[in-house]
Amino acid sequence: MPTQTVCVHCDPPGSGRCVECQGTGKRGRMGCPECQGSGFCGKCYGVGFEPTERERTVGTILGVWWISWFGIISGFLLAGYELLSFAHGRAAYSSILLLTATVLLWILFYVVTEKLGARMPRGKNWHAFTLVSTLAGTILAIFTLLGIVFFIYVAPYIR
């Protein structure tokens, strides 16, 4: 929940618009150091209110968790590739199926999240969208971790 303190980093203050893009007259220009091309203030995320200390901490923790998904995906692909280098028969078929399904699910997740995030209005809906996409990504990350367990402990014993 945003505080009632108006964000002074916006242009004009409390509007939620990027000060850099407003100064140059280009809304949401690519390569903007403040908004990364979104056109919204990078400090308040377009809401117009300063985030609380708790919101900043939660945002940092979620950011680290989201970035860790790339490590989970990389570990999954590495374990799957290593298994496929020596597996054959049913183990190879089930591993290829798991690899393909998981990669397609991650691609679908990122495409849908990007498309919906671009259309999402900034405000309370943005926070709900972030939590729902984090939940969906977490479920997908758990599924991917279970795939790593499958590649390491189960698939080598499938004949």
Protein backbone atom coordinates (compact mmCIF):
# COMPACT_ATOMS: atom_id res chain seq x y z
CA MET A 1 0.00 0.00 0.00
CA PRO A 2 1.41 3.39 -0.90
CA THR A 3 1.82 6.02 1.75
CA GLN A 4 0.11 9.39 1.51
CA THR A 5 3.45 11.12 0.89
CA VAL A 6 3.49 12.47 -2.67
CA CYS A 7 6.48 11.35 -4.73
CA VAL A 8 8.76 14.33 -5.38
CA HIS A 9 10.69 12.47 -8.09
CA CYS A 10 7.79 12.66 -10.58
CA ASP A 11 7.19 15.51 -13.04
CA PRO A 12 4.94 17.15 -11.84
CA PRO A 13 5.23 15.77 -8.28
CA GLY A 14 2.68 13.03 -7.59
CA SER A 15 1.81 12.45 -11.27
CA GLY A 16 3.70 9.17 -11.64
CA ARG A 17 5.44 10.32 -14.84
CA CYS A 18 9.19 10.01 -15.45
CA VAL A 19 11.08 13.25 -14.84
CA GLU A 20 13.73 12.44 -17.47
CA CYS A 21 11.23 11.69 -20.22
CA GLN A 22 9.08 14.73 -19.36
CA GLY A 23 12.17 16.96 -19.49
CA THR A 24 13.09 15.82 -23.00
CA GLY A 25 9.49 15.76 -24.28
CA LYS A 26 9.67 12.06 -25.18
CA ARG A 27 7.34 9.92 -23.12
CA GLY A 28 8.84 6.50 -22.46
CA ARG A 29 11.94 6.76 -24.63
CA MET A 30 14.04 3.64 -24.80
CA GLY A 31 17.27 3.75 -22.82
CA CYS A 32 15.94 6.21 -20.23
CA PRO A 33 17.97 5.65 -17.02
CA GLU A 34 14.99 6.47 -14.80
CA CYS A 35 12.08 4.50 -16.31
CA GLN A 36 13.76 2.03 -18.71
CA GLY A 37 11.31 3.09 -21.41
CA SER A 38 8.04 2.73 -19.51
CA GLY A 39 7.37 6.46 -19.08
CA PHE A 40 6.51 5.98 -15.40
CA CYS A 41 8.50 7.33 -12.45
CA GLY A 42 11.20 4.85 -11.40
CA LYS A 43 10.88 5.73 -7.70
CA CYS A 44 7.12 5.32 -7.19
CA TYR A 45 6.50 3.01 -10.18
CA GLY A 46 3.87 5.37 -11.58
CA VAL A 47 1.63 5.36 -8.50
CA GLY A 48 2.50 8.93 -7.43
CA PHE A 49 3.21 8.12 -3.77
CA GLU A 50 6.54 7.38 -2.10
CA PRO A 51 6.93 3.67 -1.24
CA THR A 52 7.35 2.75 2.41
CA GLU A 53 10.48 1.05 3.77
CA ARG A 54 8.57 -2.26 3.88
CA GLU A 55 7.57 -1.92 0.22
CA ARG A 56 11.16 -1.22 -0.79
CA THR A 57 12.40 -4.25 1.18
CA VAL A 58 9.75 -6.54 -0.29
CA GLY A 59 10.56 -5.21 -3.76
CA THR A 60 14.23 -6.02 -3.30
CA ILE A 61 13.48 -9.54 -2.05
CA LEU A 62 11.09 -10.18 -4.94
CA GLY A 63 13.66 -8.88 -7.40
CA VAL A 64 16.28 -11.30 -6.10
CA TRP A 65 13.75 -14.14 -6.25
CA TRP A 66 12.79 -13.28 -9.85
CA ILE A 67 16.43 -13.18 -10.92
CA SER A 68 17.05 -16.55 -9.24
CA TRP A 69 14.53 -18.06 -11.68
CA PHE A 70 17.14 -17.72 -14.43
CA GLY A 71 19.53 -19.81 -12.34
CA ILE A 72 16.84 -22.43 -11.75
CA ILE A 73 16.07 -22.57 -15.48
CA SER A 74 19.78 -22.83 -16.30
CA GLY A 75 20.29 -25.65 -13.80
CA PHE A 76 17.28 -27.46 -15.22
CA LEU A 77 18.55 -27.19 -18.80
CA LEU A 78 22.05 -28.29 -17.76
CA ALA A 79 20.77 -31.32 -15.86
CA GLY A 80 18.48 -32.25 -18.74
CA TYR A 81 21.24 -31.90 -21.31
CA GLU A 82 23.63 -34.00 -19.25
CA LEU A 83 21.02 -36.72 -18.84
CA LEU A 84 20.21 -36.76 -22.55
CA SER A 85 23.88 -37.22 -23.39
CA PHE A 86 23.79 -40.79 -22.05
CA ALA A 87 20.08 -41.70 -21.73
CA HIS A 88 18.19 -43.76 -24.28
CA GLY A 89 14.84 -45.48 -24.54
CA ARG A 90 12.04 -44.42 -22.22
CA ALA A 91 14.33 -42.23 -20.12
CA ALA A 92 15.25 -40.16 -23.18
CA TYR A 93 11.63 -39.80 -24.30
CA SER A 94 10.39 -38.75 -20.88
CA SER A 95 13.30 -36.34 -20.46
CA ILE A 96 12.70 -34.72 -23.84
CA LEU A 97 9.01 -34.37 -23.00
CA LEU A 98 9.80 -32.78 -19.63
CA LEU A 99 12.41 -30.44 -21.14
CA THR A 100 10.09 -29.32 -23.94
CA ALA A 101 7.06 -28.81 -21.71
CA THR A 102 8.98 -26.86 -19.07
CA VAL A 103 10.73 -24.59 -21.57
CA LEU A 104 7.43 -23.88 -23.34
CA LEU A 105 5.74 -23.10 -20.00
CA TRP A 106 8.51 -20.61 -19.09
CA ILE A 107 8.27 -18.96 -22.52
CA LEU A 108 4.49 -18.73 -22.17
CA PHE A 109 4.84 -17.29 -18.67
CA TYR A 110 7.25 -14.54 -19.76
CA VAL A 111 5.24 -13.64 -22.88
CA VAL A 112 1.93 -13.43 -21.01
CA THR A 113 3.48 -11.50 -18.13
CA GLU A 114 5.05 -9.00 -20.54
CA LYS A 115 1.86 -8.50 -22.55
CA LEU A 116 -0.38 -8.10 -19.50
CA GLY A 117 2.13 -5.94 -17.67
CA ALA A 118 2.28 -3.50 -20.57
CA ARG A 119 -1.51 -3.08 -20.49
CA MET A 120 -1.89 -2.98 -16.71
CA PRO A 121 -2.82 0.41 -15.25
CA ARG A 122 -0.54 1.66 -12.49
CA GLY A 123 -2.17 1.69 -9.07
CA LYS A 124 -3.58 -1.04 -6.88
CA ASN A 125 -4.00 -3.35 -9.87
CA TRP A 126 -0.25 -3.20 -10.51
CA HIS A 127 0.55 -4.58 -7.04
CA ALA A 128 -2.00 -7.38 -7.44
CA PHE A 129 -0.60 -8.23 -10.86
CA THR A 130 2.93 -8.37 -9.43
CA LEU A 131 1.84 -10.73 -6.66
CA VAL A 132 -0.10 -13.00 -9.03
CA SER A 133 2.77 -13.17 -11.53
CA THR A 134 5.19 -13.88 -8.67
CA LEU A 135 2.93 -16.71 -7.48
CA ALA A 136 2.69 -18.16 -10.99
CA GLY A 137 6.46 -17.91 -11.45
CA THR A 138 7.07 -19.50 -8.05
CA ILE A 139 4.84 -22.46 -8.93
CA LEU A 140 6.68 -22.80 -12.23
CA ALA A 141 10.05 -22.56 -10.42
CA ILE A 142 9.01 -25.34 -8.02
CA PHE A 143 7.94 -27.46 -11.01
CA THR A 144 11.34 -26.79 -12.60
CA LEU A 145 13.16 -27.76 -9.39
CA LEU A 146 11.17 -31.01 -9.33
CA GLY A 147 12.31 -31.55 -12.92
CA ILE A 148 15.92 -31.22 -11.79
CA VAL A 149 15.23 -33.84 -9.10
CA PHE A 150 13.71 -36.07 -11.79
CA PHE A 151 16.77 -35.71 -14.03
CA ILE A 152 19.22 -36.45 -11.22
CA TYR A 153 17.48 -39.17 -9.18
CA VAL A 154 14.73 -40.80 -11.28
CA ALA A 155 15.55 -40.72 -15.00
CA PRO A 156 18.90 -42.57 -14.76
CA TYR A 157 17.02 -45.61 -13.43
CA ILE A 158 14.29 -45.71 -16.09
CA ARG A 159 14.83 -48.59 -18.51
